[in-house]
Amino acid sequence: MSITQQHALDVHRARQHGEPLPPAPGANDWQVVRELRDHGRFRVVLAQRPAHGRIRRTLGRWLHLRPRSTG
């Protein structure tokens, strides 16, 4: 059974029982991504590490380690 078929079945059952309709598949994906990002930032703060700029700083270190070609 596909996700779409399962959602249609859930909607049908909810209407029969007079319950609120379930959200469409994928409706809350961005909210979940935001919550995961915020949770990761929260854990970083609890570990007493800088919460911002970690990726940029790491990429900057990697770029400075590479030998520069003169051209």
N, C-alpha and C. Protein backbone atom coordinates (compact mmCIF):
# COMPACT_ATOMS: atom_id res chain seq x y z
N MET A 1 0.85 -1.17 0.00
CA MET A 1 0.00 0.00 0.00
C MET A 1 0.90 1.24 0.00
N SER A 2 0.61 2.15 -0.87
CA SER A 2 1.41 3.37 -0.96
C SER A 2 0.99 4.36 0.12
N ILE A 3 1.80 5.39 0.28
CA ILE A 3 1.50 6.43 1.27
C ILE A 3 0.19 7.13 0.92
N THR A 4 -0.02 7.37 -0.35
CA THR A 4 -1.24 8.05 -0.80
C THR A 4 -2.47 7.20 -0.50
N GLN A 5 -2.39 5.91 -0.76
CA GLN A 5 -3.52 5.03 -0.47
C GLN A 5 -3.80 4.96 1.03
N GLN A 6 -2.73 4.89 1.82
CA GLN A 6 -2.92 4.85 3.28
C GLN A 6 -3.57 6.14 3.78
N HIS A 7 -3.15 7.28 3.21
CA HIS A 7 -3.75 8.55 3.62
C HIS A 7 -5.22 8.60 3.25
N ALA A 8 -5.56 8.11 2.05
CA ALA A 8 -6.97 8.09 1.63
C ALA A 8 -7.79 7.22 2.56
N LEU A 9 -7.24 6.08 2.96
CA LEU A 9 -7.94 5.20 3.89
C LEU A 9 -8.12 5.86 5.25
N ASP A 10 -7.09 6.54 5.73
CA ASP A 10 -7.18 7.25 7.01
C ASP A 10 -8.21 8.37 6.97
N VAL A 11 -8.28 9.09 5.85
CA VAL A 11 -9.27 10.16 5.69
C VAL A 11 -10.68 9.57 5.72
N HIS A 12 -10.86 8.47 5.01
CA HIS A 12 -12.18 7.81 4.97
C HIS A 12 -12.61 7.38 6.36
N ARG A 13 -11.70 6.74 7.11
CA ARG A 13 -12.03 6.29 8.46
C ARG A 13 -12.34 7.47 9.38
N ALA A 14 -11.56 8.55 9.26
CA ALA A 14 -11.78 9.72 10.11
C ALA A 14 -13.15 10.33 9.82
N ARG A 15 -13.53 10.39 8.55
CA ARG A 15 -14.85 10.95 8.21
C ARG A 15 -15.98 10.08 8.74
N GLN A 16 -15.79 8.76 8.70
CA GLN A 16 -16.82 7.85 9.21
C GLN A 16 -17.03 8.01 10.71
N HIS A 17 -15.94 8.26 11.43
CA HIS A 17 -16.01 8.37 12.88
C HIS A 17 -16.17 9.80 13.37
N GLY A 18 -16.23 10.75 12.45
CA GLY A 18 -16.41 12.14 12.84
C GLY A 18 -15.19 12.75 13.51
N GLU A 19 -14.02 12.24 13.21
CA GLU A 19 -12.77 12.73 13.79
C GLU A 19 -12.12 13.73 12.85
N PRO A 20 -11.17 14.54 13.36
CA PRO A 20 -10.47 15.46 12.46
C PRO A 20 -9.62 14.70 11.45
N LEU A 21 -9.49 15.27 10.27
CA LEU A 21 -8.73 14.62 9.20
C LEU A 21 -7.23 14.65 9.51
N PRO A 22 -6.51 13.59 9.17
CA PRO A 22 -5.06 13.58 9.39
C PRO A 22 -4.37 14.50 8.39
N PRO A 23 -3.19 15.01 8.73
CA PRO A 23 -2.48 15.87 7.78
C PRO A 23 -2.00 15.06 6.58
N ALA A 24 -1.87 15.73 5.46
CA ALA A 24 -1.38 15.07 4.25
C ALA A 24 0.07 14.62 4.44
N PRO A 25 0.48 13.56 3.77
CA PRO A 25 1.87 13.12 3.88
C PRO A 25 2.82 14.23 3.43
N GLY A 26 3.84 14.48 4.23
CA GLY A 26 4.83 15.50 3.89
C GLY A 26 4.45 16.90 4.34
N ALA A 27 3.29 17.06 4.95
CA ALA A 27 2.84 18.40 5.33
C ALA A 27 3.72 19.01 6.42
N ASN A 28 4.30 18.19 7.27
CA ASN A 28 5.08 18.71 8.40
C ASN A 28 6.57 18.44 8.27
N ASP A 29 7.04 18.11 7.08
CA ASP A 29 8.45 17.76 6.90
C ASP A 29 9.38 18.90 7.29
N TRP A 30 9.08 20.12 6.84
CA TRP A 30 9.98 21.24 7.14
C TRP A 30 9.99 21.57 8.63
N GLN A 31 8.87 21.38 9.29
CA GLN A 31 8.82 21.61 10.73
C GLN A 31 9.73 20.61 11.45
N VAL A 32 9.72 19.36 11.01
CA VAL A 32 10.57 18.34 11.62
C VAL A 32 12.05 18.69 11.40
N VAL A 33 12.38 19.15 10.19
CA VAL A 33 13.77 19.53 9.90
C VAL A 33 14.20 20.67 10.81
N ARG A 34 13.34 21.68 10.99
CA ARG A 34 13.66 22.80 11.87
C ARG A 34 13.86 22.35 13.31
N GLU A 35 12.99 21.45 13.77
CA GLU A 35 13.10 20.97 15.14
C GLU A 35 14.39 20.16 15.34
N LEU A 36 14.78 19.36 14.36
CA LEU A 36 16.04 18.62 14.46
C LEU A 36 17.23 19.57 14.51
N ARG A 37 17.20 20.61 13.67
CA ARG A 37 18.28 21.60 13.67
C ARG A 37 18.36 22.31 15.03
N ASP A 38 17.21 22.72 15.56
CA ASP A 38 17.19 23.41 16.84
C ASP A 38 17.66 22.49 17.97
N HIS A 39 17.28 21.22 17.90
CA HIS A 39 17.71 20.27 18.93
C HIS A 39 19.22 20.09 18.87
N GLY A 40 19.78 20.02 17.67
CA GLY A 40 21.23 19.91 17.53
C GLY A 40 21.95 21.13 18.10
N ARG A 41 21.42 22.30 17.83
CA ARG A 41 22.01 23.52 18.38
C ARG A 41 21.92 23.55 19.91
N PHE A 42 20.81 23.06 20.44
CA PHE A 42 20.62 23.01 21.88
C PHE A 42 21.65 22.07 22.53
N ARG A 43 21.88 20.92 21.91
CA ARG A 43 22.86 19.97 22.45
C ARG A 43 24.27 20.55 22.41
N VAL A 44 24.57 21.33 21.36
CA VAL A 44 25.89 21.96 21.26
C VAL A 44 26.09 22.95 22.40
N VAL A 45 25.06 23.72 22.69
CA VAL A 45 25.15 24.70 23.78
C VAL A 45 25.32 23.99 25.12
N LEU A 46 24.58 22.90 25.33
CA LEU A 46 24.73 22.15 26.57
C LEU A 46 26.14 21.58 26.73
N ALA A 47 26.77 21.24 25.60
CA ALA A 47 28.14 20.71 25.64
C ALA A 47 29.17 21.83 25.75
N GLN A 48 28.71 23.08 25.85
CA GLN A 48 29.53 24.28 25.99
C GLN A 48 30.50 24.46 24.82
N ARG A 49 29.96 24.27 23.62
CA ARG A 49 30.71 24.54 22.40
C ARG A 49 30.01 25.68 21.67
N PRO A 50 30.72 26.37 20.80
CA PRO A 50 30.06 27.46 20.06
C PRO A 50 28.92 26.93 19.20
N ALA A 51 27.80 27.61 19.24
CA ALA A 51 26.62 27.13 18.54
C ALA A 51 26.58 27.58 17.08
N HIS A 52 27.27 28.65 16.73
CA HIS A 52 27.18 29.18 15.37
C HIS A 52 28.55 29.19 14.71
N GLY A 53 28.56 28.98 13.41
CA GLY A 53 29.78 29.12 12.64
C GLY A 53 30.69 27.92 12.64
N ARG A 54 30.24 26.79 13.17
CA ARG A 54 31.12 25.63 13.24
C ARG A 54 31.45 25.10 11.85
N ILE A 55 30.47 25.02 10.99
CA ILE A 55 30.70 24.47 9.65
C ILE A 55 31.59 25.41 8.84
N ARG A 56 31.28 26.70 8.89
CA ARG A 56 32.09 27.66 8.14
C ARG A 56 33.54 27.67 8.62
N ARG A 57 33.74 27.59 9.92
CA ARG A 57 35.10 27.58 10.48
C ARG A 57 35.85 26.32 10.05
N THR A 58 35.17 25.18 10.06
CA THR A 58 35.80 23.93 9.65
C THR A 58 36.16 23.97 8.17
N LEU A 59 35.25 24.45 7.34
CA LEU A 59 35.55 24.55 5.91
C LEU A 59 36.70 25.52 5.66
N GLY A 60 36.75 26.60 6.41
CA GLY A 60 37.85 27.56 6.28
C GLY A 60 39.18 26.92 6.62
N ARG A 61 39.22 26.09 7.66
CA ARG A 61 40.46 25.39 8.01
C ARG A 61 40.87 24.45 6.90
N TRP A 62 39.92 23.74 6.33
CA TRP A 62 40.25 22.80 5.26
C TRP A 62 40.79 23.54 4.04
N LEU A 63 40.20 24.67 3.72
CA LEU A 63 40.66 25.42 2.55
C LEU A 63 42.05 25.99 2.76
N HIS A 64 42.39 26.37 3.97
CA HIS A 64 43.70 26.94 4.25
C HIS A 64 44.79 25.87 4.32
N LEU A 65 44.42 24.63 4.51
CA LEU A 65 45.40 23.55 4.57
C LEU A 65 45.86 23.12 3.17
N ARG A 66 45.04 23.39 2.17
CA ARG A 66 45.40 22.98 0.81
C ARG A 66 46.50 23.89 0.27
N PRO A 67 47.48 23.30 -0.42
CA PRO A 67 48.49 24.16 -1.03
C PRO A 67 47.89 24.97 -2.17
N ARG A 68 48.26 26.21 -2.22
CA ARG A 68 47.71 27.09 -3.26
C ARG A 68 48.57 26.99 -4.52
N SER A 69 47.90 26.88 -5.64
CA SER A 69 48.62 26.80 -6.90
C SER A 69 48.85 28.24 -7.43
N THR A 70 50.01 28.49 -7.92
CA THR A 70 50.29 29.81 -8.51
C THR A 70 50.06 29.72 -9.99
N GLY A 71 49.32 30.63 -10.50
CA GLY A 71 48.97 30.44 -11.89
C GLY A 71 48.99 31.63 -12.68
